[in-house]
N, C-alpha and C. Protein backbone atom coordinates (compact mmCIF):
# COMPACT_ATOMS: atom_id res chain seq x y z
N MET A 1 145.47 -38.37 62.39
CA MET A 1 146.36 -38.65 63.50
C MET A 1 147.33 -37.49 63.72
N LYS A 2 147.80 -36.92 62.62
CA LYS A 2 148.74 -35.81 62.71
C LYS A 2 148.09 -34.61 63.41
N ARG A 3 146.82 -34.39 63.11
CA ARG A 3 146.09 -33.29 63.74
C ARG A 3 145.98 -33.46 65.26
N LYS A 4 145.71 -34.69 65.67
CA LYS A 4 145.58 -34.97 67.10
C LYS A 4 146.91 -34.74 67.83
N LEU A 5 147.99 -35.14 67.20
CA LEU A 5 149.31 -34.96 67.81
C LEU A 5 149.64 -33.48 67.94
N ILE A 6 149.37 -32.70 66.90
CA ILE A 6 149.63 -31.27 66.95
C ILE A 6 148.76 -30.61 68.03
N PHE A 7 147.49 -31.00 68.10
CA PHE A 7 146.60 -30.46 69.13
C PHE A 7 147.10 -30.79 70.53
N LEU A 8 147.56 -32.01 70.73
CA LEU A 8 148.08 -32.43 72.03
C LEU A 8 149.31 -31.62 72.42
N LEU A 9 150.22 -31.42 71.48
CA LEU A 9 151.43 -30.64 71.77
C LEU A 9 151.10 -29.20 72.14
N PHE A 10 150.21 -28.55 71.37
CA PHE A 10 149.82 -27.19 71.69
C PHE A 10 149.11 -27.11 73.04
N SER A 11 148.28 -28.11 73.34
CA SER A 11 147.57 -28.12 74.63
C SER A 11 148.56 -28.20 75.79
N LEU A 12 149.56 -29.04 75.66
CA LEU A 12 150.54 -29.17 76.73
C LEU A 12 151.37 -27.90 76.89
N ILE A 13 151.73 -27.28 75.78
CA ILE A 13 152.53 -26.05 75.84
C ILE A 13 151.74 -24.94 76.52
N PHE A 14 150.48 -24.76 76.13
CA PHE A 14 149.68 -23.68 76.71
C PHE A 14 149.27 -23.99 78.14
N PHE A 15 149.16 -25.28 78.49
CA PHE A 15 148.84 -25.66 79.86
C PHE A 15 149.97 -25.24 80.80
N LEU A 16 151.19 -25.40 80.38
CA LEU A 16 152.34 -25.07 81.22
C LEU A 16 152.48 -23.56 81.44
N LYS A 17 152.00 -22.75 80.51
CA LYS A 17 152.14 -21.30 80.61
C LYS A 17 150.88 -20.61 81.13
N SER A 18 149.90 -21.36 81.59
CA SER A 18 148.62 -20.76 81.99
C SER A 18 148.73 -20.10 83.36
N ASN A 19 147.92 -19.07 83.58
CA ASN A 19 147.80 -18.41 84.87
C ASN A 19 146.51 -18.90 85.50
N ALA A 20 146.61 -19.51 86.64
CA ALA A 20 145.45 -20.17 87.22
C ALA A 20 144.97 -19.50 88.51
N GLN A 21 145.30 -18.25 88.71
CA GLN A 21 144.87 -17.59 89.94
C GLN A 21 143.45 -17.07 89.80
N CYS A 22 142.69 -17.18 90.87
CA CYS A 22 141.36 -16.59 90.87
C CYS A 22 141.49 -15.08 91.09
N ALA A 23 140.40 -14.35 90.92
CA ALA A 23 140.44 -12.89 91.01
C ALA A 23 140.85 -12.42 92.41
N MET A 24 140.38 -13.08 93.45
CA MET A 24 140.71 -12.67 94.82
C MET A 24 142.18 -12.91 95.13
N CYS A 25 142.70 -14.06 94.74
CA CYS A 25 144.12 -14.35 94.97
C CYS A 25 144.99 -13.36 94.22
N ARG A 26 144.60 -13.06 93.00
CA ARG A 26 145.39 -12.13 92.19
C ARG A 26 145.41 -10.74 92.82
N ALA A 27 144.27 -10.28 93.31
CA ALA A 27 144.19 -8.93 93.90
C ALA A 27 145.07 -8.83 95.15
N VAL A 28 145.04 -9.85 95.97
CA VAL A 28 145.83 -9.83 97.21
C VAL A 28 147.32 -9.93 96.91
N LEU A 29 147.68 -10.80 95.98
CA LEU A 29 149.10 -11.05 95.72
C LEU A 29 149.75 -9.99 94.85
N GLU A 30 148.98 -9.23 94.08
CA GLU A 30 149.58 -8.17 93.27
C GLU A 30 150.04 -7.00 94.12
N SER A 31 149.44 -6.83 95.29
CA SER A 31 149.82 -5.73 96.16
C SER A 31 151.10 -6.04 96.94
N GLU A 32 151.57 -7.28 96.88
CA GLU A 32 152.76 -7.70 97.62
C GLU A 32 154.04 -7.27 96.90
N GLU A 33 155.04 -6.89 97.66
CA GLU A 33 156.37 -6.60 97.11
C GLU A 33 157.05 -7.93 96.80
N GLY A 34 157.64 -8.06 95.64
CA GLY A 34 158.26 -9.32 95.25
C GLY A 34 157.17 -10.30 94.87
N GLN A 35 157.44 -11.18 93.96
CA GLN A 35 156.40 -12.08 93.46
C GLN A 35 156.62 -13.53 93.84
N GLY A 36 157.37 -13.79 94.88
CA GLY A 36 157.66 -15.17 95.28
C GLY A 36 156.43 -15.92 95.72
N ALA A 37 155.61 -15.30 96.56
CA ALA A 37 154.40 -15.98 97.05
C ALA A 37 153.39 -16.15 95.92
N ALA A 38 153.29 -15.17 95.03
CA ALA A 38 152.33 -15.27 93.93
C ALA A 38 152.68 -16.42 93.00
N GLU A 39 153.96 -16.58 92.71
CA GLU A 39 154.38 -17.68 91.84
C GLU A 39 154.12 -19.03 92.52
N GLY A 40 154.36 -19.11 93.82
CA GLY A 40 154.11 -20.35 94.55
C GLY A 40 152.64 -20.73 94.57
N ILE A 41 151.79 -19.75 94.80
CA ILE A 41 150.35 -20.03 94.82
C ILE A 41 149.87 -20.42 93.43
N ASN A 42 150.35 -19.74 92.41
CA ASN A 42 149.96 -20.07 91.04
C ASN A 42 150.38 -21.50 90.68
N ASP A 43 151.58 -21.89 91.04
CA ASP A 43 152.04 -23.26 90.77
C ASP A 43 151.20 -24.28 91.52
N GLY A 44 150.82 -23.97 92.76
CA GLY A 44 149.98 -24.88 93.53
C GLY A 44 148.61 -25.06 92.92
N ILE A 45 148.03 -23.99 92.41
CA ILE A 45 146.71 -24.07 91.79
C ILE A 45 146.78 -24.91 90.52
N VAL A 46 147.81 -24.71 89.71
CA VAL A 46 147.96 -25.50 88.48
C VAL A 46 148.17 -26.97 88.84
N TYR A 47 148.94 -27.26 89.86
CA TYR A 47 149.17 -28.64 90.30
C TYR A 47 147.86 -29.29 90.72
N LEU A 48 147.07 -28.60 91.52
CA LEU A 48 145.79 -29.15 91.97
C LEU A 48 144.81 -29.33 90.82
N MET A 49 144.91 -28.50 89.80
CA MET A 49 144.03 -28.61 88.66
C MET A 49 144.43 -29.80 87.78
N ALA A 50 145.70 -30.11 87.70
CA ALA A 50 146.18 -31.15 86.78
C ALA A 50 145.94 -32.57 87.29
N ILE A 51 145.95 -32.77 88.58
CA ILE A 51 145.85 -34.12 89.14
C ILE A 51 144.57 -34.85 88.71
N PRO A 52 143.37 -34.25 88.79
CA PRO A 52 142.17 -34.98 88.34
C PRO A 52 142.23 -35.37 86.86
N TYR A 53 142.77 -34.51 86.02
CA TYR A 53 142.87 -34.85 84.60
C TYR A 53 143.81 -36.03 84.39
N ILE A 54 144.90 -36.07 85.10
CA ILE A 54 145.84 -37.18 84.97
C ILE A 54 145.20 -38.48 85.44
N LEU A 55 144.46 -38.43 86.54
CA LEU A 55 143.78 -39.63 87.05
C LEU A 55 142.73 -40.14 86.06
N VAL A 56 141.92 -39.24 85.52
CA VAL A 56 140.88 -39.65 84.56
C VAL A 56 141.53 -40.24 83.31
N PHE A 57 142.60 -39.63 82.82
CA PHE A 57 143.30 -40.17 81.66
C PHE A 57 143.85 -41.57 81.97
N GLY A 58 144.44 -41.75 83.14
CA GLY A 58 144.99 -43.05 83.52
C GLY A 58 143.92 -44.13 83.59
N ILE A 59 142.79 -43.82 84.20
CA ILE A 59 141.69 -44.79 84.30
C ILE A 59 141.14 -45.10 82.91
N GLY A 60 140.98 -44.07 82.07
CA GLY A 60 140.50 -44.30 80.71
C GLY A 60 141.45 -45.17 79.91
N TYR A 61 142.74 -44.96 80.08
CA TYR A 61 143.73 -45.77 79.38
C TYR A 61 143.67 -47.23 79.82
N ILE A 62 143.53 -47.46 81.12
CA ILE A 62 143.44 -48.82 81.64
C ILE A 62 142.19 -49.52 81.09
N VAL A 63 141.06 -48.83 81.08
CA VAL A 63 139.82 -49.41 80.55
C VAL A 63 139.98 -49.71 79.06
N TYR A 64 140.60 -48.80 78.33
CA TYR A 64 140.82 -48.99 76.90
C TYR A 64 141.68 -50.24 76.64
N ILE A 65 142.76 -50.37 77.38
CA ILE A 65 143.65 -51.53 77.20
C ILE A 65 142.93 -52.83 77.57
N LYS A 66 142.22 -52.83 78.69
CA LYS A 66 141.49 -54.04 79.11
C LYS A 66 140.44 -54.43 78.08
N PHE A 67 139.74 -53.46 77.52
CA PHE A 67 138.69 -53.75 76.56
C PHE A 67 139.26 -54.39 75.30
N PHE A 68 140.37 -53.88 74.78
CA PHE A 68 140.92 -54.42 73.56
C PHE A 68 141.70 -55.71 73.77
N LYS A 69 142.27 -55.92 74.94
CA LYS A 69 142.93 -57.21 75.23
C LYS A 69 141.89 -58.31 75.32
N THR A 70 140.76 -58.03 75.98
CA THR A 70 139.69 -59.02 76.11
C THR A 70 139.10 -59.33 74.74
N LYS A 71 138.90 -58.32 73.93
CA LYS A 71 138.31 -58.50 72.61
C LYS A 71 139.26 -59.26 71.68
N ALA A 72 140.54 -59.04 71.77
CA ALA A 72 141.51 -59.70 70.90
C ALA A 72 141.68 -61.18 71.26
N SER A 73 141.55 -61.51 72.53
CA SER A 73 141.77 -62.90 72.96
C SER A 73 140.57 -63.79 72.71
N THR A 74 139.40 -63.24 72.45
CA THR A 74 138.22 -64.09 72.20
C THR A 74 138.01 -64.37 70.75
């Protein structure tokens, strides 16, 4: 259990610091003066990447809870 918790914490820390730009976006945005647009696009890509994982985790959690509540009551 301790291993899983440590793995989860490291995953969350590295997820927050990841660079999620594709090669084309990076090439276009590196030539720009100031990095405001690059940071905004990078944050948007990370946001779009995270939503499906959160939804799958939520559905899996609901199924897990329903399965064990049904099994415990019978």
